PDB file of all heavy atoms in Angstrom:
ATOM      1  N   TYR A   1     128.862 131.483 164.434  1.00  0.00           N
ATOM      2  CA  TYR A   1     129.312 130.257 163.740  1.00  0.00           C
ATOM      3  C   TYR A   1     128.166 129.433 163.260  1.00  0.00           C
ATOM      4  O   TYR A   1     128.084 128.955 162.141  1.00  0.00           O
ATOM      5  CB  TYR A   1     130.181 129.430 164.771  1.00  0.00           C
ATOM      6  CG  TYR A   1     130.841 128.194 164.062  1.00  0.00           C
ATOM      7  CD1 TYR A   1     131.919 128.493 163.162  1.00  0.00           C
ATOM      8  CD2 TYR A   1     130.353 126.855 164.260  1.00  0.00           C
ATOM      9  CE1 TYR A   1     132.579 127.349 162.585  1.00  0.00           C
ATOM     10  CE2 TYR A   1     131.015 125.848 163.630  1.00  0.00           C
ATOM     11  CZ  TYR A   1     132.115 126.052 162.863  1.00  0.00           C
ATOM     12  OH  TYR A   1     132.720 124.931 162.188  1.00  0.00           O
ATOM     13  N   LEU A   2     127.066 129.214 164.084  1.00  0.00           N
ATOM     14  CA  LEU A   2     125.872 128.441 163.765  1.00  0.00           C
ATOM     15  C   LEU A   2     125.166 129.200 162.555  1.00  0.00           C
ATOM     16  O   LEU A   2     124.650 128.570 161.719  1.00  0.00           O
ATOM     17  CB  LEU A   2     124.987 128.389 164.951  1.00  0.00           C
ATOM     18  CG  LEU A   2     125.367 127.372 165.955  1.00  0.00           C
ATOM     19  CD1 LEU A   2     124.544 127.343 167.174  1.00  0.00           C
ATOM     20  CD2 LEU A   2     125.579 125.934 165.448  1.00  0.00           C
ATOM     21  N   GLU A   3     125.085 130.582 162.653  1.00  0.00           N
ATOM     22  CA  GLU A   3     124.569 131.343 161.519  1.00  0.00           C
ATOM     23  C   GLU A   3     125.300 131.100 160.216  1.00  0.00           C
ATOM     24  O   GLU A   3     124.626 130.881 159.242  1.00  0.00           O
ATOM     25  CB  GLU A   3     124.581 132.839 161.895  1.00  0.00           C
ATOM     26  CG  GLU A   3     123.630 133.638 161.012  1.00  0.00           C
ATOM     27  CD  GLU A   3     122.147 133.413 161.286  1.00  0.00           C
ATOM     28  OE1 GLU A   3     121.744 133.328 162.483  1.00  0.00           O
ATOM     29  OE2 GLU A   3     121.428 133.232 160.268  1.00  0.00           O
ATOM     30  N   GLY A   4     126.694 130.999 160.239  1.00  0.00           N
ATOM     31  CA  GLY A   4     127.405 130.666 159.234  1.00  0.00           C
ATOM     32  C   GLY A   4     127.216 129.331 158.653  1.00  0.00           C
ATOM     33  O   GLY A   4     127.090 129.131 157.446  1.00  0.00           O
ATOM     34  N   LEU A   5     127.045 128.339 159.515  1.00  0.00           N
ATOM     35  CA  LEU A   5     126.777 127.021 159.092  1.00  0.00           C
ATOM     36  C   LEU A   5     125.489 126.929 158.355  1.00  0.00           C
ATOM     37  O   LEU A   5     125.333 126.210 157.306  1.00  0.00           O
ATOM     38  CB  LEU A   5     126.859 125.962 160.240  1.00  0.00           C
ATOM     39  CG  LEU A   5     128.193 125.718 160.809  1.00  0.00           C
ATOM     40  CD1 LEU A   5     128.013 124.827 162.105  1.00  0.00           C
ATOM     41  CD2 LEU A   5     129.146 125.070 159.815  1.00  0.00           C
ATOM     42  N   ALA A   6     124.491 127.625 158.904  1.00  0.00           N
ATOM     43  CA  ALA A   6     123.204 127.590 158.313  1.00  0.00           C
ATOM     44  C   ALA A   6     123.248 128.203 156.909  1.00  0.00           C
ATOM     45  O   ALA A   6     122.627 127.812 155.945  1.00  0.00           O
ATOM     46  CB  ALA A   6     122.157 128.290 159.235  1.00  0.00           C
ATOM     47  N   ALA A   7     123.989 129.212 156.749  1.00  0.00           N
ATOM     48  CA  ALA A   7     124.094 129.969 155.518  1.00  0.00           C
ATOM     49  C   ALA A   7     124.719 129.072 154.431  1.00  0.00           C
ATOM     50  O   ALA A   7     124.301 129.007 153.274  1.00  0.00           O
ATOM     51  CB  ALA A   7     124.838 131.302 155.614  1.00  0.00           C
ATOM     52  N   ALA A   8     125.698 128.340 154.826  1.00  0.00           N
ATOM     53  CA  ALA A   8     126.443 127.414 153.972  1.00  0.00           C
ATOM     54  C   ALA A   8     125.472 126.296 153.483  1.00  0.00           C
ATOM     55  O   ALA A   8     125.441 125.957 152.400  1.00  0.00           O
ATOM     56  CB  ALA A   8     127.680 126.912 154.680  1.00  0.00           C
ATOM     57  N   ALA A   9     124.669 125.858 154.513  1.00  0.00           N
ATOM     58  CA  ALA A   9     123.820 124.701 154.110  1.00  0.00           C
ATOM     59  C   ALA A   9     122.811 125.175 153.198  1.00  0.00           C
ATOM     60  O   ALA A   9     122.331 124.516 152.228  1.00  0.00           O
ATOM     61  CB  ALA A   9     123.206 124.225 155.522  1.00  0.00           C
ATOM     62  N   ARG A  10     122.226 126.407 153.404  1.00  0.00           N
ATOM     63  CA  ARG A  10     121.271 127.026 152.473  1.00  0.00           C
ATOM     64  C   ARG A  10     121.819 127.128 151.004  1.00  0.00           C
ATOM     65  O   ARG A  10     121.056 126.809 150.028  1.00  0.00           O
ATOM     66  CB  ARG A  10     120.791 128.343 152.860  1.00  0.00           C
ATOM     67  CG  ARG A  10     119.785 128.241 153.975  1.00  0.00           C
ATOM     68  CD  ARG A  10     119.088 129.725 154.288  1.00  0.00           C
ATOM     69  NE  ARG A  10     120.067 130.695 154.587  1.00  0.00           N
ATOM     70  CZ  ARG A  10     120.346 130.964 155.862  1.00  0.00           C
ATOM     71  NH1 ARG A  10     119.951 130.264 156.891  1.00  0.00           N
ATOM     72  NH2 ARG A  10     121.228 131.839 156.100  1.00  0.00           N
ATOM     73  N   THR A  11     123.040 127.351 150.875  1.00  0.00           N
ATOM     74  CA  THR A  11     123.593 127.461 149.388  1.00  0.00           C
ATOM     75  C   THR A  11     123.848 126.176 148.857  1.00  0.00           C
ATOM     76  O   THR A  11     123.852 126.075 147.596  1.00  0.00           O
ATOM     77  CB  THR A  11     124.916 128.349 149.478  1.00  0.00           C
ATOM     78  OG1 THR A  11     125.972 127.652 150.316  1.00  0.00           O
ATOM     79  CG2 THR A  11     124.741 129.846 149.968  1.00  0.00           C
ATOM     80  N   ARG A  12     124.011 125.117 149.722  1.00  0.00           N
ATOM     81  CA  ARG A  12     124.232 123.837 149.270  1.00  0.00           C
ATOM     82  C   ARG A  12     122.917 123.063 148.891  1.00  0.00           C
ATOM     83  O   ARG A  12     122.945 121.912 148.348  1.00  0.00           O
ATOM     84  CB  ARG A  12     125.100 123.018 150.167  1.00  0.00           C
ATOM     85  CG  ARG A  12     126.550 123.455 150.207  1.00  0.00           C
ATOM     86  CD  ARG A  12     127.357 122.424 150.924  1.00  0.00           C
ATOM     87  NE  ARG A  12     126.987 122.279 152.328  1.00  0.00           N
ATOM     88  CZ  ARG A  12     127.572 123.124 153.313  1.00  0.00           C
ATOM     89  NH1 ARG A  12     128.457 123.907 153.032  1.00  0.00           N
ATOM     90  NH2 ARG A  12     127.192 122.851 154.515  1.00  0.00           N
ATOM     91  N   MET A  13     121.807 123.623 149.318  1.00  0.00           N
ATOM     92  CA  MET A  13     120.566 122.853 149.201  1.00  0.00           C
ATOM     93  C   MET A  13     120.182 122.676 147.637  1.00  0.00           C
ATOM     94  O   MET A  13     120.401 123.606 146.882  1.00  0.00           O
ATOM     95  CB  MET A  13     119.431 123.714 149.738  1.00  0.00           C
ATOM     96  CG  MET A  13     119.377 123.518 151.205  1.00  0.00           C
ATOM     97  SD  MET A  13     118.115 124.482 152.038  1.00  0.00           S
ATOM     98  CE  MET A  13     116.646 124.123 151.143  1.00  0.00           C
ATOM     99  N   PRO A  14     119.836 121.565 147.266  1.00  0.00           N
ATOM    100  CA  PRO A  14     119.503 121.322 145.844  1.00  0.00           C
ATOM    101  C   PRO A  14     118.193 122.039 145.598  1.00  0.00           C
ATOM    102  O   PRO A  14     117.330 122.225 146.470  1.00  0.00           O
ATOM    103  CB  PRO A  14     119.371 119.791 145.777  1.00  0.00           C
ATOM    104  CG  PRO A  14     118.916 119.310 147.114  1.00  0.00           C
ATOM    105  CD  PRO A  14     119.670 120.328 148.081  1.00  0.00           C
ATOM    106  N   GLU A  15     118.000 122.309 144.264  1.00  0.00           N
ATOM    107  CA  GLU A  15     116.669 122.813 143.836  1.00  0.00           C
ATOM    108  C   GLU A  15     115.676 121.778 143.860  1.00  0.00           C
ATOM    109  O   GLU A  15     115.969 120.566 143.594  1.00  0.00           O
ATOM    110  CB  GLU A  15     116.749 123.489 142.514  1.00  0.00           C
ATOM    111  CG  GLU A  15     117.400 124.873 142.463  1.00  0.00           C
ATOM    112  CD  GLU A  15     117.063 125.621 141.129  1.00  0.00           C
ATOM    113  OE1 GLU A  15     115.965 125.485 140.654  1.00  0.00           O
ATOM    114  OE2 GLU A  15     117.897 126.241 140.756  1.00  0.00           O
ATOM    115  N   HIS A  16     114.523 122.131 144.208  1.00  0.00           N
ATOM    116  CA  HIS A  16     113.386 121.184 144.175  1.00  0.00           C
ATOM    117  C   HIS A  16     112.976 120.871 142.746  1.00  0.00           C
ATOM    118  O   HIS A  16     112.941 121.747 141.903  1.00  0.00           O
ATOM    119  CB  HIS A  16     112.193 121.804 145.007  1.00  0.00           C
ATOM    120  CG  HIS A  16     112.472 121.884 146.480  1.00  0.00           C
ATOM    121  ND1 HIS A  16     111.701 121.365 147.415  1.00  0.00           N
ATOM    122  CD2 HIS A  16     113.559 122.540 147.154  1.00  0.00           C
ATOM    123  CE1 HIS A  16     112.226 121.653 148.610  1.00  0.00           C
ATOM    124  NE2 HIS A  16     113.375 122.326 148.413  1.00  0.00           N
ATOM    125  N   PRO A  17     112.544 119.633 142.413  1.00  0.00           N
ATOM    126  CA  PRO A  17     111.998 119.323 141.241  1.00  0.00           C
ATOM    127  C   PRO A  17     110.665 120.011 140.942  1.00  0.00           C
ATOM    128  O   PRO A  17     110.041 120.506 141.846  1.00  0.00           O
ATOM    129  CB  PRO A  17     111.839 117.809 141.166  1.00  0.00           C
ATOM    130  CG  PRO A  17     111.787 117.422 142.635  1.00  0.00           C
ATOM    131  CD  PRO A  17     112.572 118.486 143.417  1.00  0.00           C
ATOM    132  N   VAL A  18     110.354 120.075 139.739  1.00  0.00           N
ATOM    133  CA  VAL A  18     109.174 120.818 139.289  1.00  0.00           C
ATOM    134  C   VAL A  18     107.891 120.239 139.998  1.00  0.00           C
ATOM    135  O   VAL A  18     106.996 120.998 140.439  1.00  0.00           O
ATOM    136  CB  VAL A  18     108.941 120.813 137.758  1.00  0.00           C
ATOM    137  CG1 VAL A  18     107.675 121.459 137.324  1.00  0.00           C
ATOM    138  CG2 VAL A  18     110.118 121.426 137.125  1.00  0.00           C
ATOM    139  N   ASN A  19     107.830 118.893 140.170  1.00  0.00           N
ATOM    140  CA  ASN A  19     106.770 118.319 140.694  1.00  0.00           C
ATOM    141  C   ASN A  19     106.843 117.963 142.328  1.00  0.00           C
ATOM    142  O   ASN A  19     106.155 117.117 142.789  1.00  0.00           O
ATOM    143  CB  ASN A  19     106.316 116.941 140.048  1.00  0.00           C
ATOM    144  CG  ASN A  19     107.535 115.962 140.150  1.00  0.00           C
ATOM    145  OD1 ASN A  19     108.614 116.316 140.544  1.00  0.00           O
ATOM    146  ND2 ASN A  19     107.323 114.732 139.714  1.00  0.00           N
ATOM    147  N   CYS A  20     107.762 118.812 142.957  1.00  0.00           N
ATOM    148  CA  CYS A  20     107.943 118.571 144.380  1.00  0.00           C
ATOM    149  C   CYS A  20     106.622 118.789 145.166  1.00  0.00           C
ATOM    150  O   CYS A  20     105.869 119.803 144.907  1.00  0.00           O
ATOM    151  CB  CYS A  20     109.069 119.516 144.872  1.00  0.00           C
ATOM    152  SG  CYS A  20     109.428 119.342 146.569  1.00  0.00           S
ATOM    153  N   ARG A  21     106.415 118.011 146.159  1.00  0.00           N
ATOM    154  CA  ARG A  21     105.208 118.156 146.969  1.00  0.00           C
ATOM    155  C   ARG A  21     105.555 118.570 148.458  1.00  0.00           C
ATOM    156  O   ARG A  21     104.645 118.382 149.344  1.00  0.00           O
ATOM    157  CB  ARG A  21     104.490 116.862 147.002  1.00  0.00           C
ATOM    158  CG  ARG A  21     103.979 116.274 145.684  1.00  0.00           C
ATOM    159  CD  ARG A  21     102.827 117.076 145.267  1.00  0.00           C
ATOM    160  NE  ARG A  21     102.302 116.676 143.975  1.00  0.00           N
ATOM    161  CZ  ARG A  21     101.616 117.364 143.115  1.00  0.00           C
ATOM    162  NH1 ARG A  21     101.261 118.571 143.514  1.00  0.00           N
ATOM    163  NH2 ARG A  21     101.307 116.800 142.008  1.00  0.00           N
ATOM    164  N   CYS A  22     106.669 119.114 148.715  1.00  0.00           N
ATOM    165  CA  CYS A  22     106.955 119.630 150.082  1.00  0.00           C
ATOM    166  C   CYS A  22     106.071 120.749 150.364  1.00  0.00           C
ATOM    167  O   CYS A  22     105.484 121.410 149.385  1.00  0.00           O
ATOM    168  CB  CYS A  22     108.404 119.964 150.194  1.00  0.00           C
ATOM    169  SG  CYS A  22     108.945 121.508 149.430  1.00  0.00           S
ATOM    170  N   GLN A  23     105.942 121.145 151.648  1.00  0.00           N
ATOM    171  CA  GLN A  23     104.993 122.204 152.011  1.00  0.00           C
ATOM    172  C   GLN A  23     105.397 123.573 151.405  1.00  0.00           C
ATOM    173  O   GLN A  23     104.529 124.252 150.966  1.00  0.00           O
ATOM    174  CB  GLN A  23     105.036 122.308 153.599  1.00  0.00           C
ATOM    175  CG  GLN A  23     104.163 123.304 154.062  1.00  0.00           C
ATOM    176  CD  GLN A  23     104.117 123.334 155.583  1.00  0.00           C
ATOM    177  OE1 GLN A  23     104.980 122.832 156.274  1.00  0.00           O
ATOM    178  NE2 GLN A  23     103.138 124.191 156.200  1.00  0.00           N
ATOM    179  N   HIS A  24     106.685 123.849 151.309  1.00  0.00           N
ATOM    180  CA  HIS A  24     107.101 125.135 150.815  1.00  0.00           C
ATOM    181  C   HIS A  24     106.731 125.218 149.252  1.00  0.00           C
ATOM    182  O   HIS A  24     106.217 126.217 148.804  1.00  0.00           O
ATOM    183  CB  HIS A  24     108.561 125.362 150.969  1.00  0.00           C
ATOM    184  CG  HIS A  24     109.121 126.524 150.263  1.00  0.00           C
ATOM    185  ND1 HIS A  24     108.940 127.806 150.655  1.00  0.00           N
ATOM    186  CD2 HIS A  24     109.903 126.676 149.147  1.00  0.00           C
ATOM    187  CE1 HIS A  24     109.399 128.660 149.885  1.00  0.00           C
ATOM    188  NE2 HIS A  24     110.086 127.997 148.985  1.00  0.00           N
ATOM    189  N   CYS A  25     107.067 124.172 148.511  1.00  0.00           N
ATOM    190  CA  CYS A  25     106.814 124.171 147.069  1.00  0.00           C
ATOM    191  C   CYS A  25     105.226 124.187 146.876  1.00  0.00           C
ATOM    192  O   CYS A  25     104.824 124.858 145.827  1.00  0.00           O
ATOM    193  CB  CYS A  25     107.444 122.971 146.472  1.00  0.00           C
ATOM    194  SG  CYS A  25     109.243 123.138 146.377  1.00  0.00           S
ATOM    195  N   THR A  26     104.516 123.436 147.609  1.00  0.00           N
ATOM    196  CA  THR A  26     103.030 123.456 147.469  1.00  0.00           C
ATOM    197  C   THR A  26     102.415 124.744 147.712  1.00  0.00           C
ATOM    198  O   THR A  26     101.586 125.250 146.909  1.00  0.00           O
ATOM    199  CB  THR A  26     102.354 122.346 148.406  1.00  0.00           C
ATOM    200  OG1 THR A  26     102.979 121.040 148.302  1.00  0.00           O
ATOM    201  CG2 THR A  26     101.001 122.328 148.318  1.00  0.00           C
ATOM    202  N   HIS A  27     102.847 125.408 148.732  1.00  0.00           N
ATOM    203  CA  HIS A  27     102.447 126.812 149.060  1.00  0.00           C
ATOM    204  C   HIS A  27     102.753 127.737 147.907  1.00  0.00           C
ATOM    205  O   HIS A  27     102.002 128.510 147.473  1.00  0.00           O
ATOM    206  CB  HIS A  27     103.037 127.221 150.448  1.00  0.00           C
ATOM    207  CG  HIS A  27     102.727 128.717 150.725  1.00  0.00           C
ATOM    208  ND1 HIS A  27     101.426 129.011 151.123  1.00  0.00           N
ATOM    209  CD2 HIS A  27     103.463 129.856 150.571  1.00  0.00           C
ATOM    210  CE1 HIS A  27     101.387 130.343 151.308  1.00  0.00           C
ATOM    211  NE2 HIS A  27     102.547 130.862 151.024  1.00  0.00           N
ATOM    212  N   ARG A  28     104.103 127.688 147.500  1.00  0.00           N
ATOM    213  CA  ARG A  28     104.506 128.547 146.463  1.00  0.00           C
ATOM    214  C   ARG A  28     103.603 128.308 145.135  1.00  0.00           C
ATOM    215  O   ARG A  28     103.236 129.254 144.459  1.00  0.00           O
ATOM    216  CB  ARG A  28     106.003 128.348 146.120  1.00  0.00           C
ATOM    217  CG  ARG A  28     106.594 129.374 145.121  1.00  0.00           C
ATOM    218  CD  ARG A  28     107.979 129.176 144.936  1.00  0.00           C
ATOM    219  NE  ARG A  28     108.274 127.885 144.602  1.00  0.00           N
ATOM    220  CZ  ARG A  28     109.408 127.151 144.654  1.00  0.00           C
ATOM    221  NH1 ARG A  28     110.490 127.830 145.390  1.00  0.00           N
ATOM    222  NH2 ARG A  28     109.666 125.945 144.273  1.00  0.00           N
ATOM    223  N   THR A  29     103.365 127.057 144.857  1.00  0.00           N
ATOM    224  CA  THR A  29     102.645 126.748 143.545  1.00  0.00           C
ATOM    225  C   THR A  29     101.151 127.325 143.819  1.00  0.00           C
ATOM    226  O   THR A  29     100.600 127.813 142.834  1.00  0.00           O
ATOM    227  CB  THR A  29     102.589 125.283 143.416  1.00  0.00           C
ATOM    228  OG1 THR A  29     103.955 124.802 143.222  1.00  0.00           O
ATOM    229  CG2 THR A  29     101.797 124.873 142.180  1.00  0.00           C
ATOM    230  N   ARG A  30     100.547 127.122 144.858  1.00  0.00           N
ATOM    231  CA  ARG A  30      99.238 127.538 145.081  1.00  0.00           C
ATOM    232  C   ARG A  30      99.127 129.080 145.082  1.00  0.00           C
ATOM    233  O   ARG A  30      98.212 129.656 144.585  1.00  0.00           O
ATOM    234  CB  ARG A  30      98.612 127.060 146.506  1.00  0.00           C
ATOM    235  CG  ARG A  30      98.336 125.565 146.430  1.00  0.00           C
ATOM    236  CD  ARG A  30      97.752 125.127 147.747  1.00  0.00           C
ATOM    237  NE  ARG A  30      97.403 123.711 147.664  1.00  0.00           N
ATOM    238  CZ  ARG A  30      97.375 122.922 148.792  1.00  0.00           C
ATOM    239  NH1 ARG A  30      97.491 123.508 149.990  1.00  0.00           N
ATOM    240  NH2 ARG A  30      97.159 121.624 148.653  1.00  0.00           N
ATOM    241  N   TYR A  31     100.189 129.693 145.657  1.00  0.00           N
ATOM    242  CA  TYR A  31     100.129 131.221 145.575  1.00  0.00           C
ATOM    243  C   TYR A  31     100.419 131.565 144.174  1.00  0.00           C
ATOM    244  O   TYR A  31      99.650 132.599 143.730  1.00  0.00           O
ATOM    245  CB  TYR A  31     101.351 131.710 146.384  1.00  0.00           C
ATOM    246  CG  TYR A  31     101.494 133.179 146.475  1.00  0.00           C
ATOM    247  CD1 TYR A  31     100.562 133.963 147.242  1.00  0.00           C
ATOM    248  CD2 TYR A  31     102.485 133.867 145.615  1.00  0.00           C
ATOM    249  CE1 TYR A  31     100.648 135.351 147.221  1.00  0.00           C
ATOM    250  CE2 TYR A  31     102.470 135.299 145.636  1.00  0.00           C
ATOM    251  CZ  TYR A  31     101.662 135.969 146.541  1.00  0.00           C
ATOM    252  OH  TYR A  31     101.646 137.349 146.530  1.00  0.00           O
ATOM    253  N   ALA A  32     101.077 130.940 143.270  1.00  0.00           N
ATOM    254  CA  ALA A  32     101.295 131.465 141.896  1.00  0.00           C
ATOM    255  C   ALA A  32      99.996 131.159 141.171  1.00  0.00           C
ATOM    256  O   ALA A  32      99.598 132.020 140.331  1.00  0.00           O
ATOM    257  CB  ALA A  32     102.502 130.629 141.214  1.00  0.00           C
ATOM    258  N   GLN A  33      99.345 130.034 141.545  1.00  0.00           N
ATOM    259  CA  GLN A  33      98.010 129.831 140.807  1.00  0.00           C
ATOM    260  C   GLN A  33      96.971 130.836 141.270  1.00  0.00           C
ATOM    261  O   GLN A  33      96.169 131.271 140.470  1.00  0.00           O
ATOM    262  CB  GLN A  33      97.495 128.457 141.260  1.00  0.00           C
ATOM    263  CG  GLN A  33      98.282 127.231 140.621  1.00  0.00           C
ATOM    264  CD  GLN A  33      97.921 125.979 141.123  1.00  0.00           C
ATOM    265  OE1 GLN A  33      97.318 125.767 142.259  1.00  0.00           O
ATOM    266  NE2 GLN A  33      98.286 124.808 140.395  1.00  0.00           N
ATOM    267  N   LEU A  34      97.020 131.284 142.429  1.00  0.00           N
ATOM    268  CA  LEU A  34      96.060 132.243 142.902  1.00  0.00           C
ATOM    269  C   LEU A  34      96.364 133.547 142.201  1.00  0.00           C
ATOM    270  O   LEU A  34      95.399 134.261 141.782  1.00  0.00           O
ATOM    271  CB  LEU A  34      96.187 132.433 144.459  1.00  0.00           C
ATOM    272  CG  LEU A  34      95.379 133.562 145.132  1.00  0.00           C
ATOM    273  CD1 LEU A  34      93.839 133.310 144.930  1.00  0.00           C
ATOM    274  CD2 LEU A  34      95.777 133.622 146.556  1.00  0.00           C
ATOM    275  N   GLN A  35      97.628 133.958 142.138  1.00  0.00           N
ATOM    276  CA  GLN A  35      97.978 135.255 141.439  1.00  0.00           C
ATOM    277  C   GLN A  35      97.534 135.180 139.946  1.00  0.00           C
ATOM    278  O   GLN A  35      97.039 136.123 139.467  1.00  0.00           O
ATOM    279  CB  GLN A  35      99.487 135.486 141.496  1.00  0.00           C
ATOM    280  CG  GLN A  35      99.963 135.728 143.001  1.00  0.00           C
ATOM    281  CD  GLN A  35      99.424 137.069 143.505  1.00  0.00           C
ATOM    282  OE1 GLN A  35      98.340 136.997 144.191  1.00  0.00           O
ATOM    283  NE2 GLN A  35     100.093 138.092 143.245  1.00  0.00           N
ATOM    284  N   ALA A  36      97.802 133.994 139.370  1.00  0.00           N
ATOM    285  CA  ALA A  36      97.404 133.795 137.947  1.00  0.00           C
ATOM    286  C   ALA A  36      95.838 133.968 137.817  1.00  0.00           C
ATOM    287  O   ALA A  36      95.353 134.533 136.839  1.00  0.00           O
ATOM    288  CB  ALA A  36      97.853 132.536 137.363  1.00  0.00           C
ATOM    289  N   ALA A  37      95.148 133.416 138.687  1.00  0.00           N
ATOM    290  CA  ALA A  37      93.554 133.433 138.662  1.00  0.00           C
ATOM    291  C   ALA A  37      93.148 134.874 138.878  1.00  0.00           C
ATOM    292  O   ALA A  37      92.252 135.396 138.121  1.00  0.00           O
ATOM    293  CB  ALA A  37      93.060 132.623 139.740  1.00  0.00           C
ATOM    294  N   ARG A  38      93.800 135.612 139.783  1.00  0.00           N
ATOM    295  CA  ARG A  38      93.442 136.980 139.997  1.00  0.00           C
ATOM    296  C   ARG A  38      93.696 137.854 138.810  1.00  0.00           C
ATOM    297  O   ARG A  38      92.890 138.735 138.390  1.00  0.00           O
ATOM    298  CB  ARG A  38      94.174 137.595 141.196  1.00  0.00           C
ATOM    299  CG  ARG A  38      93.585 137.126 142.576  1.00  0.00           C
ATOM    300  CD  ARG A  38      94.368 137.561 143.678  1.00  0.00           C
ATOM    301  NE  ARG A  38      93.818 137.165 144.985  1.00  0.00           N
ATOM    302  CZ  ARG A  38      94.618 137.207 146.124  1.00  0.00           C
ATOM    303  NH1 ARG A  38      95.742 137.713 146.169  1.00  0.00           N
ATOM    304  NH2 ARG A  38      93.984 136.772 147.199  1.00  0.00           N
ATOM    305  N   ALA A  39      94.818 137.607 138.202  1.00  0.00           N
ATOM    306  CA  ALA A  39      95.258 138.386 137.014  1.00  0.00           C
ATOM    307  C   ALA A  39      94.297 138.118 135.827  1.00  0.00           C
ATOM    308  O   ALA A  39      93.931 139.044 135.125  1.00  0.00           O
ATOM    309  CB  ALA A  39      96.690 137.997 136.554  1.00  0.00           C
ATOM    310  N   ALA A  40      93.896 136.836 135.703  1.00  0.00           N
ATOM    311  CA  ALA A  40      92.874 136.407 134.684  1.00  0.00           C
ATOM    312  C   ALA A  40      91.566 137.144 134.912  1.00  0.00           C
ATOM    313  O   ALA A  40      90.911 137.583 133.963  1.00  0.00           O
ATOM    314  CB  ALA A  40      92.834 134.994 134.531  1.00  0.00           C
ATOM    315  N   ALA A  41      91.090 137.148 136.199  1.00  0.00           N
ATOM    316  CA  ALA A  41      89.812 137.761 136.528  1.00  0.00           C
ATOM    317  C   ALA A  41      89.872 139.228 136.185  1.00  0.00           C
ATOM    318  O   ALA A  41      88.957 139.826 135.711  1.00  0.00           O
ATOM    319  CB  ALA A  41      89.478 137.452 137.925  1.00  0.00           C
TER     320      ALA A  41
END
C-alpha cells in the first residue's frame, strides 16, 4: 500500500521549471553540461 501511495505521488509531481535550483535539477544540469563539454572536446 505504501509503495502504491508513493507511486501515485510520483505521477502527480509537477515538472520542475527550467531554472529550478533543487539538488536533483542542479545535478542533472551539471551532468548535462559535463556531457556537452566532453562531446565538444
